[in-house]
């Protein structure tokens, strides 16, 4: 079965064709302003390079940074009505209370805190007042709001309140887009609510982006199903992305890490992904990215949905190098996808990190004569600075003493020297420049369950088995084959001061796509 993996980055759009565990072809093409033409270019080139018929493609997997960039830049967002079930207890902290003012102005439409919500045992705090929900929904409609986020106190423990409110809103506002916070975030009301508002603000844009991808594939003559990668290394159906665009946040670094594991056979390592604009450093644990153990800020907004533990620094192949009044600076500004016209080695006038490594004789791209006038002192100082930036980033991601296996991937991997302090082994695999697209191509289907259970009431083993079964059911419902689905992560967090020996349990399960017979994940 032939898969196409695509990663749409800020600088390049990469594509690979994968046949089982074999990479048949790969290309790196500049990302275009309209995105879809860049996808058409990359996919068309890689299929032609592999000498394949478009009809032979079984599935297409795309990773994209479009939704992350749109939210951070407050671009193309929809105003949202926010309905919280938690009065009167939560009125002291209204929705979006800690958002940056510019971000709040771009997203906030209106809000209301209504009776409802649940105790930690799942019992109601107060009953839902359906008439109040209807009045609030009609008020949102009068303001022209067609995107609504609904959150509930302890919603993950009892989904009924949010589901009832969403159904009423749909009756009162024809064509409304409703995001239920329990579908996205974890325990923690304000962070889960913010994640839901983010998602609601992006749903209109997500429909346009996914439609553009589907049109691009149609123009190429590819009828295979389209999947989008999530930030936990698994896949979503294209229709699901239209509902939950925030789950693609940080999927680019995740794809690179999964691709690094596939290309090297290493399942536990630190991965350094050097792109055109930034370097992302993460940790592989059993072949999957280590998740962040703390709440993550996105564009200054605190959220609690799953995110990989990633350290990003402003170092990439297109990073600007300046030396003003003896002060050397590398990044965070970058020429991005204009590197082929802006960098000196490509005939431009901007000194970049790529120019430095070419001048140092460690890379052969463009014209070395274009950087022949750089002083030896500048070359050495800039090269040393880049190396130190990479070494410090690796050290910051370690959780213990000693050296670690380090995998270097990304189109900007030429910036790194052959040795790195803190690395037990430094691996730069073949096809490292398109590891992100490889990670997209090998992605599996996942399911995750986050529950509070009572070990005293049903026993630890029985409770864990029940939650594991629910995670597997979610993965299968999302498109995984039942035979290949397995539990890959179990986390138990005891809850202090809660009766019944209550424990928060998070379980993640993954499996191969049901319509495919080969198990690409087995290669890991």
Protein backbone atom coordinates (compact mmCIF):
# COMPACT_ATOMS: atom_id res chain seq x y z
CA UNK A 1 0.00 0.00 0.00
CA UNK A 2 1.40 3.37 -1.04
CA UNK A 3 1.18 6.38 1.26
CA UNK A 4 2.04 9.99 0.54
CA UNK A 5 3.23 12.04 3.51
CA UNK A 6 3.27 15.84 3.26
CA UNK A 7 4.43 18.45 5.73
CA UNK A 8 3.52 22.09 5.04
CA UNK A 9 6.05 24.20 6.93
CA UNK A 10 6.64 27.92 7.07
CA UNK A 11 9.58 27.64 4.65
CA UNK A 12 9.21 24.35 2.74
CA UNK A 13 6.55 21.85 1.80
CA UNK A 14 8.05 18.36 1.94
CA UNK A 15 6.57 15.19 0.47
CA UNK A 16 7.50 11.49 0.46
CA UNK A 17 6.09 8.30 -1.03
CA UNK A 18 6.19 5.36 1.35
CA UNK A 19 5.66 1.71 0.37
CA UNK A 20 5.42 -0.16 3.66
CA UNK A 21 8.72 0.71 5.34
CA UNK A 22 10.50 1.76 2.13
CA UNK A 23 10.81 5.38 0.99
CA UNK A 24 10.39 5.41 -2.78
CA UNK A 25 10.87 9.14 -3.37
CA UNK A 26 11.09 12.49 -1.56
CA UNK A 27 11.03 16.16 -2.52
CA UNK A 28 11.41 19.52 -0.79
CA UNK A 29 9.52 22.40 -2.39
CA UNK A 30 9.05 26.04 -1.24
CA UNK A 31 5.81 26.70 0.63
CA UNK A 32 3.52 29.00 -1.35
CA UNK A 33 1.31 31.80 -0.07
CA UNK A 34 -1.89 29.99 -1.09
CA UNK A 35 -0.65 26.66 0.41
CA UNK A 36 -2.60 24.47 -2.04
CA UNK A 37 -0.36 25.16 -5.04
CA UNK A 38 2.67 24.26 -2.91
CA UNK A 39 1.01 20.95 -2.03
CA UNK A 40 0.22 20.33 -5.70
CA UNK A 41 3.82 21.04 -6.65
CA UNK A 42 5.32 18.80 -3.95
CA UNK A 43 2.94 15.88 -4.42
CA UNK A 44 3.11 16.06 -8.20
CA UNK A 45 6.91 16.03 -8.11
CA UNK A 46 7.23 13.17 -5.64
CA UNK A 47 4.75 10.93 -7.45
CA UNK A 48 6.47 11.65 -10.76
CA UNK A 49 9.87 10.95 -9.22
CA UNK A 50 8.61 7.59 -7.97
CA UNK A 51 7.16 6.80 -11.40
CA UNK A 52 3.73 6.01 -9.99
CA UNK A 53 0.17 6.28 -11.21
CA UNK A 54 -1.96 8.55 -9.01
CA UNK A 55 -4.55 5.76 -8.78
CA UNK A 56 -2.01 3.59 -6.93
CA UNK A 57 -1.96 5.91 -3.88
CA UNK A 58 -3.86 4.38 -0.94
CA UNK A 59 -3.87 7.38 1.40
CA UNK A 60 -2.47 10.89 1.83
CA UNK A 61 -1.33 12.29 5.19
CA UNK A 62 -0.71 16.02 5.61
CA UNK A 63 0.82 17.90 8.51
CA UNK A 64 0.28 21.65 8.59
CA UNK A 65 1.13 24.68 10.72
CA UNK A 66 -1.70 26.76 9.24
CA UNK A 67 -3.97 26.75 12.28
CA UNK A 68 -1.21 27.43 14.79
CA UNK A 69 0.08 30.35 12.73
CA UNK A 70 -3.41 31.74 12.17
CA UNK A 71 -4.20 31.80 15.89
CA UNK A 72 -0.85 33.20 17.02
CA UNK A 73 -1.09 35.93 14.38
CA UNK A 74 -4.82 36.50 15.10
CA UNK A 75 -5.50 36.07 11.39
CA UNK A 76 -8.74 34.76 9.86
CA UNK A 77 -10.37 34.07 13.24
CA UNK A 78 -14.11 33.98 13.96
CA UNK A 79 -15.71 35.80 16.89
CA UNK A 80 -17.01 33.36 19.49
CA UNK A 81 -19.86 33.28 21.98
CA UNK A 82 -18.80 31.56 25.22
CA UNK A 83 -21.29 29.72 27.41
CA UNK A 84 -20.06 28.33 30.74
CA UNK A 85 -22.07 26.01 32.98
CA UNK A 86 -20.85 26.87 36.47
CA UNK A 87 -22.86 29.66 38.11
CA UNK A 88 -22.61 31.04 40.67
CA UNK A 89 -19.27 29.58 41.82
CA UNK A 90 -17.14 30.58 38.82
CA UNK A 91 -18.40 34.11 38.16
CA UNK A 92 -15.32 35.69 39.76
CA UNK A 93 -13.22 34.56 36.77
CA UNK A 94 -15.10 35.23 33.53
CA UNK A 95 -14.19 33.54 30.22
CA UNK A 96 -11.01 34.79 28.50
CA UNK A 97 -10.02 36.62 31.70
CA UNK A 98 -6.26 36.08 31.23
CA UNK A 99 -6.07 36.41 27.45
CA UNK A 100 -3.80 39.06 25.89
CA UNK A 101 -5.98 42.04 25.00
CA UNK A 102 -5.20 41.93 21.26
CA UNK A 103 -6.06 38.23 21.07
CA UNK A 104 -9.23 38.69 23.11
CA UNK A 105 -10.36 41.53 20.82
CA UNK A 106 -9.94 39.29 17.77
CA UNK A 107 -11.93 36.36 19.18
CA UNK A 108 -14.39 37.46 21.87
CA UNK A 109 -18.01 37.97 20.85
CA UNK A 110 -20.02 37.59 24.05
CA UNK A 111 -20.18 35.33 27.12
CA UNK A 112 -22.51 34.11 29.85
CA UNK A 113 -22.04 31.99 32.97
CA UNK A 114 -25.13 29.84 33.58
CA UNK A 115 -26.29 27.38 36.27
CA UNK A 116 -24.90 23.88 35.81
CA UNK A 117 -21.67 21.95 36.17
CA UNK A 118 -20.66 18.93 38.24
CA UNK A 119 -18.94 17.89 41.44
CA UNK A 120 -15.76 15.79 41.33
CA UNK A 121 -17.89 12.65 41.64
CA UNK A 122 -19.92 13.60 38.55
CA UNK A 123 -23.08 14.64 40.42
CA UNK A 124 -24.70 17.97 39.41
CA UNK A 125 -23.82 21.18 41.24
CA UNK A 126 -27.08 22.72 40.01
CA UNK A 127 -29.49 21.55 37.34
CA UNK A 128 -29.16 22.98 33.83
CA UNK A 129 -31.75 25.71 33.15
CA UNK A 130 -32.78 25.05 29.57
CA UNK A 131 -34.73 28.30 29.20
CA UNK A 132 -31.72 30.37 30.26
CA UNK A 133 -29.59 28.49 27.73
CA UNK A 134 -32.15 29.31 25.01
CA UNK A 135 -32.26 33.00 25.92
CA UNK A 136 -28.47 33.20 25.87
CA UNK A 137 -28.29 31.41 22.52
CA UNK A 138 -30.83 33.83 21.02
CA UNK A 139 -28.77 36.75 22.34
CA UNK A 140 -25.67 35.32 20.63
CA UNK A 141 -27.67 34.92 17.42
CA UNK A 142 -28.85 38.56 17.57
CA UNK A 143 -25.18 39.61 17.62
CA UNK A 144 -24.41 37.54 14.53
CA UNK A 145 -22.33 34.96 16.38
CA UNK A 146 -22.35 31.60 14.60
CA UNK A 147 -19.52 30.01 16.60
CA UNK A 148 -20.08 29.03 20.24
CA UNK A 149 -17.86 27.36 22.84
CA UNK A 150 -19.56 25.50 25.72
CA UNK A 151 -17.70 24.54 28.89
CA UNK A 152 -18.79 22.97 32.17
CA UNK A 153 -17.25 22.63 35.62
CA UNK A 154 -15.77 19.10 35.74
CA UNK A 155 -17.13 18.45 32.26
CA UNK A 156 -14.71 15.55 31.59
CA UNK A 157 -16.35 13.65 34.44
CA UNK A 158 -19.87 14.12 33.09
CA UNK A 159 -20.45 15.21 29.49
CA UNK A 160 -24.24 15.43 29.75
CA UNK A 161 -24.50 19.15 30.58
CA UNK A 162 -22.39 20.35 27.66
CA UNK A 163 -24.16 17.97 25.29
CA UNK A 164 -27.60 19.25 26.37
CA UNK A 165 -26.53 22.88 26.03
CA UNK A 166 -25.02 22.25 22.59
CA UNK A 167 -28.24 20.65 21.37
CA UNK A 168 -30.30 23.65 22.54
CA UNK A 169 -27.89 26.11 20.93
CA UNK A 170 -28.14 24.23 17.64
CA UNK A 171 -31.93 24.56 17.79
CA UNK A 172 -31.78 28.32 18.42
CA UNK A 173 -28.98 29.28 15.99
CA UNK A 174 -29.37 27.60 12.56
CA UNK A 175 -26.02 26.60 11.07
CA UNK A 176 -24.13 27.30 14.31
CA UNK A 177 -20.73 25.72 14.99
CA UNK A 178 -20.59 24.48 18.60
CA UNK A 179 -17.38 23.33 20.30
CA UNK A 180 -17.76 21.34 23.53
CA UNK A 181 -14.75 21.85 25.80
CA UNK A 182 -14.78 18.23 26.97
CA UNK A 183 -14.03 17.11 23.41
CA UNK A 184 -10.67 18.91 23.53
CA UNK A 185 -9.29 19.84 26.94
CA UNK A 186 -8.52 18.02 30.15
CA UNK A 187 -9.32 18.76 33.79
CA UNK A 188 -8.89 22.47 34.55
CA UNK A 189 -11.85 24.71 33.73
CA UNK A 190 -10.23 27.93 32.48
CA UNK A 191 -7.60 26.19 30.36
CA UNK A 192 -10.13 23.75 28.88
CA UNK A 193 -12.51 26.61 28.14
CA UNK A 194 -9.76 28.59 26.42
CA UNK A 195 -8.91 25.59 24.26
CA UNK A 196 -12.56 25.35 23.23
CA UNK A 197 -12.69 29.05 22.35
CA UNK A 198 -9.51 28.68 20.28
CA UNK A 199 -11.05 25.78 18.44
CA UNK A 200 -14.33 27.59 17.81
CA UNK A 201 -12.49 30.62 16.42
CA UNK A 202 -10.63 28.42 13.92
CA UNK A 203 -13.39 26.16 12.63
CA UNK A 204 -14.39 28.39 9.72
CA UNK A 205 -10.76 28.70 8.63
CA UNK A 206 -10.21 24.96 9.05
CA UNK A 207 -13.04 24.22 6.61
CA UNK A 208 -11.37 26.44 3.99
CA UNK A 209 -7.91 24.91 4.52
CA UNK A 210 -9.11 21.29 4.42
CA UNK A 211 -11.22 22.03 1.35
CA UNK A 212 -8.11 23.51 -0.31
CA UNK A 213 -6.16 20.31 0.42
CA UNK A 214 -8.96 18.17 -0.99
CA UNK A 215 -9.20 20.33 -4.11
CA UNK A 216 -5.42 20.06 -4.57
CA UNK A 217 -5.58 16.26 -4.45
CA UNK A 218 -8.55 16.22 -6.82
CA UNK A 219 -6.64 18.37 -9.32
CA UNK A 220 -3.79 15.85 -9.15
CA UNK A 221 -6.20 12.99 -9.82
CA UNK A 222 -5.77 11.40 -6.39
CA UNK A 223 -8.95 9.85 -5.01
CA UNK A 224 -7.34 8.29 -1.93
CA UNK A 225 -8.63 9.36 1.52
CA UNK A 226 -7.02 12.40 3.13
CA UNK A 227 -5.84 12.47 6.74
CA UNK A 228 -4.33 15.30 8.79
CA UNK A 229 -1.75 14.66 11.50
CA UNK A 230 -2.41 15.55 15.14
CA UNK A 231 0.06 16.82 17.71
CA UNK A 232 0.38 13.41 19.38
CA UNK A 233 1.71 11.66 16.27
CA UNK A 234 -1.60 10.16 15.18
CA UNK A 235 -4.08 10.88 12.37
CA UNK A 236 -7.45 12.59 12.04
CA UNK A 237 -9.86 12.22 9.19
CA UNK A 238 -10.17 15.41 7.17
CA UNK A 239 -13.78 15.86 8.31
CA UNK A 240 -12.67 15.69 11.96
CA UNK A 241 -10.07 18.44 11.41
CA UNK A 242 -12.88 20.78 10.38
CA UNK A 243 -14.34 20.19 13.86
CA UNK A 244 -11.12 20.13 15.92
CA UNK A 245 -8.40 22.22 14.23
CA UNK A 246 -6.57 22.91 17.52
CA UNK A 247 -5.56 19.25 17.74
CA UNK A 248 -3.14 19.90 14.87
CA UNK A 249 -1.17 22.49 16.89
CA UNK A 250 2.56 21.53 17.02
CA UNK A 251 2.01 18.60 14.66
CA UNK A 252 5.07 19.67 12.61
CA UNK A 253 7.64 18.94 15.34
CA UNK A 254 5.72 15.80 16.26
CA UNK A 255 5.93 14.52 12.68
CA UNK A 256 9.67 15.18 12.65
CA UNK A 257 10.15 13.21 15.86
CA UNK A 258 8.12 10.27 14.63
CA UNK A 259 10.00 10.39 11.33
CA UNK A 260 13.33 10.45 13.19
CA UNK A 261 12.35 7.30 15.09
CA UNK A 262 11.35 5.56 11.86
CA UNK A 263 14.52 6.55 9.97
CA UNK A 264 16.95 5.51 12.72
CA UNK A 265 15.14 2.71 14.55
CA UNK A 266 15.69 4.62 17.81
CA UNK A 267 12.62 4.82 20.03
CA UNK A 268 14.20 6.76 22.93
CA UNK A 269 16.25 9.81 21.99
CA UNK A 270 16.38 13.59 21.80
CA UNK A 271 15.36 14.89 18.38
CA UNK A 272 16.67 18.19 17.04
CA UNK A 273 14.64 19.42 14.07
CA UNK A 274 16.33 22.37 12.34
CA UNK A 275 14.07 24.07 9.84
CA UNK A 276 14.31 27.29 7.88
CA UNK A 277 13.16 29.54 10.71
CA UNK A 278 13.35 27.66 14.02
CA UNK A 279 14.91 24.66 15.71
CA UNK A 280 12.52 22.42 17.64
CA UNK A 281 13.94 20.05 20.25
CA UNK A 282 11.85 17.23 21.71
CA UNK A 283 12.18 13.86 23.41
CA UNK A 284 11.16 10.48 21.99
CA UNK A 285 9.76 8.01 24.53
CA UNK A 286 8.91 4.57 23.15
CA UNK A 287 8.71 6.00 19.65
CA UNK A 288 6.29 8.84 20.48
CA UNK A 289 6.93 12.44 21.54
CA UNK A 290 7.06 13.09 25.26
CA UNK A 291 3.98 15.09 26.21
CA UNK A 292 4.27 18.34 28.10
CA UNK A 293 3.56 17.85 31.80
CA UNK A 294 2.53 21.48 32.25
CA UNK A 295 -0.13 23.66 30.70
CA UNK A 296 1.04 25.23 27.45
CA UNK A 297 0.73 28.86 26.35
CA UNK A 298 -0.23 29.42 22.72
CA UNK A 299 -0.10 33.02 21.62
CA UNK A 300 -0.16 34.02 25.29
CA UNK A 301 -3.25 31.90 26.02
CA UNK A 302 -2.98 29.16 28.63
CA UNK A 303 -4.44 25.80 27.54
CA UNK A 304 -4.49 22.21 28.80
CA UNK A 305 -5.07 20.00 25.78
CA UNK A 306 -2.33 17.53 24.86
CA UNK A 307 0.84 19.08 23.44
CA UNK A 308 4.32 17.65 22.87
CA UNK A 309 7.10 18.85 25.15
CA UNK A 310 8.97 21.02 22.65
CA UNK A 311 11.68 23.65 23.08
CA UNK A 312 11.83 26.07 20.14
CA UNK A 313 14.68 28.49 19.48
CA UNK A 314 15.11 31.05 16.71
CA UNK A 315 17.78 29.20 14.75
CA UNK A 316 17.21 27.89 11.22
CA UNK A 317 18.80 27.77 7.81
CA UNK A 318 17.28 31.13 6.94
CA UNK A 319 18.16 32.87 10.24
CA UNK A 320 19.64 36.32 9.71
CA UNK A 321 23.22 36.80 10.93
CA UNK A 322 24.15 40.32 11.99
CA UNK A 323 27.34 41.78 13.44
CA UNK A 324 26.63 45.34 14.45
CA UNK A 325 29.23 47.22 16.52
CA UNK A 326 30.91 43.96 17.40
CA UNK A 327 27.66 42.36 18.69
CA UNK A 328 26.97 39.09 16.89
CA UNK A 329 23.32 37.98 16.61
CA UNK A 330 21.80 34.92 14.93
CA UNK A 331 18.00 34.92 14.51
CA UNK A 332 15.26 34.93 15.56
CA UNK A 333 14.48 36.88 12.38
CA UNK A 334 14.61 34.70 9.28
CA UNK A 335 14.25 35.09 5.53
CA UNK A 336 11.99 32.01 5.69
CA UNK A 337 10.86 30.63 2.35
CA UNK A 338 12.65 33.50 0.57
CA UNK A 339 16.02 31.91 1.32
CA UNK A 340 16.49 30.93 -2.34
CA UNK A 341 16.51 34.60 -3.31
CA UNK A 342 17.68 36.34 -0.11
CA UNK A 343 20.67 34.28 1.10
CA UNK A 344 24.10 35.26 -0.22
CA UNK A 345 24.93 31.79 -1.54
CA UNK A 346 21.82 32.04 -3.73
CA UNK A 347 22.66 35.49 -5.07
CA UNK A 348 20.89 37.57 -2.40
CA UNK A 349 22.16 40.26 -0.07
CA UNK A 350 21.21 38.85 3.35
CA UNK A 351 23.75 36.98 5.47
CA UNK A 352 22.11 33.83 6.82
CA UNK A 353 23.07 30.82 8.91
CA UNK A 354 23.28 28.76 5.70
CA UNK A 355 25.86 31.21 4.31
CA UNK A 356 27.99 30.66 7.42
CA UNK A 357 28.16 26.87 7.13
CA UNK A 358 28.86 27.10 3.39
CA UNK A 359 31.68 29.57 4.07
CA UNK A 360 32.99 27.22 6.79
CA UNK A 361 33.18 24.44 4.21
CA UNK A 362 30.64 22.21 5.96
CA UNK A 363 27.93 22.41 3.29
CA UNK A 364 27.82 22.58 -0.50
CA UNK A 365 24.75 24.53 -1.53
CA UNK A 366 24.55 27.54 -3.77
CA UNK A 367 27.74 29.39 -4.68
CA UNK A 368 30.62 29.32 -2.21
CA UNK A 369 32.21 32.24 -4.07
CA UNK A 370 29.34 34.45 -2.91
CA UNK A 371 30.60 34.22 0.70
CA UNK A 372 34.33 34.30 -0.03
CA UNK A 373 34.55 37.83 1.35
CA UNK A 374 33.43 36.87 4.87
CA UNK A 375 36.16 37.18 7.47
CA UNK A 376 37.48 34.03 9.15
CA UNK A 377 36.73 35.59 12.54
CA UNK A 378 33.05 36.14 11.69
CA UNK A 379 32.68 32.65 10.26
CA UNK A 380 34.22 31.03 13.34
CA UNK A 381 32.29 33.17 15.82
CA UNK A 382 28.93 32.56 14.11
CA UNK A 383 29.60 28.84 13.70
CA UNK A 384 30.54 28.55 17.39
CA UNK A 385 27.42 30.47 18.41
CA UNK A 386 25.12 28.15 16.44
CA UNK A 387 26.81 25.09 17.93
CA UNK A 388 26.40 26.44 21.45
CA UNK A 389 22.72 27.22 20.84
CA UNK A 390 22.12 23.62 19.78
CA UNK A 391 24.09 22.12 22.68
CA UNK A 392 22.29 24.26 25.27
CA UNK A 393 18.92 23.27 23.80
CA UNK A 394 19.74 19.56 24.06
CA UNK A 395 20.87 19.97 27.68
CA UNK A 396 17.66 21.79 28.58
CA UNK A 397 15.53 18.88 27.34
CA UNK A 398 17.37 16.18 29.30
CA UNK A 399 15.66 14.74 32.35
CA UNK A 400 18.76 13.13 33.85
CA UNK A 401 22.52 13.31 34.01
CA UNK A 402 24.76 11.94 31.32
CA UNK A 403 24.74 12.00 27.55
CA UNK A 404 21.79 11.02 25.38
CA UNK A 405 21.23 9.72 21.87
CA UNK A 406 20.58 12.75 19.66
CA UNK A 407 18.95 12.57 16.22
CA UNK A 408 19.43 15.54 13.91
CA UNK A 409 16.76 16.09 11.24
CA UNK A 410 15.31 18.87 9.13
CA UNK A 411 16.48 20.78 6.10
CA UNK A 412 18.68 22.93 8.31
CA UNK A 413 20.59 19.97 9.82
CA UNK A 414 23.64 21.18 7.87
CA UNK A 415 24.03 23.85 10.58
CA UNK A 416 25.21 21.24 13.11
CA UNK A 417 28.75 19.93 13.32
CA UNK A 418 29.59 16.24 13.30
CA UNK A 419 29.95 16.21 17.10
CA UNK A 420 27.68 17.66 19.75
CA UNK A 421 28.50 18.03 23.45
CA UNK A 422 26.02 16.05 25.52
CA UNK A 423 25.36 13.52 22.76
CA UNK A 424 26.17 9.88 23.45
CA UNK A 425 25.65 9.30 19.73
CA UNK A 426 24.77 11.88 17.11
CA UNK A 427 22.68 10.44 14.28
CA UNK A 428 21.87 12.19 11.01
CA UNK A 429 19.84 9.65 9.02
CA UNK A 430 19.40 9.53 5.27
CA UNK A 431 16.30 11.46 4.27
CA UNK A 432 16.73 13.54 7.44
CA UNK A 433 15.69 16.63 5.48
CA UNK A 434 12.17 15.25 5.00
CA UNK A 435 11.73 13.49 8.36
CA UNK A 436 8.61 15.57 8.97
CA UNK A 437 6.92 14.22 5.83
CA UNK A 438 8.05 10.69 6.75
CA UNK A 439 6.48 11.13 10.18
CA UNK A 440 3.21 12.15 8.55
CA UNK A 441 3.32 9.14 6.22
CA UNK A 442 3.80 6.59 9.01
CA UNK A 443 1.28 8.14 11.41
CA UNK A 444 -1.24 5.81 13.01
CA UNK A 445 -4.71 6.38 14.43
CA UNK A 446 -5.05 7.14 18.13
CA UNK A 447 -7.52 7.39 20.97
CA UNK A 448 -7.06 9.01 24.37
CA UNK A 449 -9.17 8.88 27.54
CA UNK A 450 -8.75 11.12 30.61
CA UNK A 451 -10.89 9.98 33.56
CA UNK A 452 -11.11 10.28 37.34
CA UNK A 453 -11.76 6.81 38.81
CA UNK A 454 -12.16 5.41 42.31
CA UNK A 455 -9.75 2.55 43.03
CA UNK A 456 -11.61 2.00 46.31
CA UNK A 457 -14.95 1.47 44.55
CA UNK A 458 -13.89 -0.90 41.76
CA UNK A 459 -10.26 -1.83 42.38
CA UNK A 460 -7.17 -0.59 40.59
CA UNK A 461 -6.81 -3.36 38.01
CA UNK A 462 -10.47 -3.32 37.01
CA UNK A 463 -10.53 0.49 36.75
CA UNK A 464 -7.40 0.59 34.59
CA UNK A 465 -8.68 -2.14 32.30
CA UNK A 466 -11.95 -0.28 31.84
CA UNK A 467 -10.20 2.98 30.86
CA UNK A 468 -7.79 1.12 28.56
CA UNK A 469 -10.75 -0.49 26.80
CA UNK A 470 -12.32 2.94 26.34
CA UNK A 471 -9.10 4.29 24.77
CA UNK A 472 -8.94 1.36 22.38
CA UNK A 473 -12.61 1.88 21.48
CA UNK A 474 -11.88 5.53 20.69
CA UNK A 475 -8.97 4.59 18.41
CA UNK A 476 -11.07 2.03 16.56
CA UNK A 477 -13.92 4.53 16.20
CA UNK A 478 -11.42 7.01 14.70
CA UNK A 479 -10.41 4.50 12.00
CA UNK A 480 -7.85 2.12 13.54
CA UNK A 481 -8.02 -1.61 12.91
CA UNK A 482 -9.00 -3.43 16.08
CA UNK A 483 -6.34 -6.14 15.68
CA UNK A 484 -3.45 -3.65 15.54
CA UNK A 485 -4.60 -1.24 18.25
CA UNK A 486 -2.59 -1.29 21.46
CA UNK A 487 -2.17 0.85 24.58
CA UNK A 488 1.07 2.84 24.43
CA UNK A 489 0.82 5.06 27.50
CA UNK A 490 -0.86 4.90 30.92
CA UNK A 491 -0.57 7.69 33.49
CA UNK A 492 -1.95 7.58 37.04
CA UNK A 493 -2.17 10.78 39.11
CA UNK A 494 -3.50 10.39 42.70
CA UNK A 495 -5.90 13.20 43.70
CA UNK A 496 -5.29 14.51 47.20
CA UNK A 497 -8.25 15.38 49.46
CA UNK A 498 -10.71 13.52 47.23
CA UNK A 499 -12.49 10.57 48.88
CA UNK A 500 -12.57 7.01 47.59
CA UNK A 501 -8.87 6.77 46.67
CA UNK A 502 -9.66 8.75 43.53
CA UNK A 503 -7.04 8.79 40.78
CA UNK A 504 -6.85 10.64 37.51
CA UNK A 505 -6.05 8.12 34.77
CA UNK A 506 -4.92 9.03 31.23
CA UNK A 507 -4.59 6.27 28.65
CA UNK A 508 -3.47 6.51 25.03
CA UNK A 509 -3.96 3.79 22.41
CA UNK A 510 -2.80 3.66 18.77
CA UNK A 511 -3.37 1.38 15.80
CA UNK A 512 -2.89 1.17 12.04
CA UNK A 513 -5.45 2.43 9.57
CA UNK A 514 -8.22 -0.11 9.19
CA UNK A 515 -8.29 -0.02 5.38
CA UNK A 516 -4.59 -0.81 5.07
CA UNK A 517 -3.15 -4.29 5.49
CA UNK A 518 0.45 -3.41 6.29
CA UNK A 519 1.53 -2.17 9.70
CA UNK A 520 3.96 0.65 9.16
CA UNK A 521 4.15 1.25 12.90
CA UNK A 522 5.76 -2.15 13.37
CA UNK A 523 8.92 -0.72 11.83
CA UNK A 524 9.33 1.36 14.96
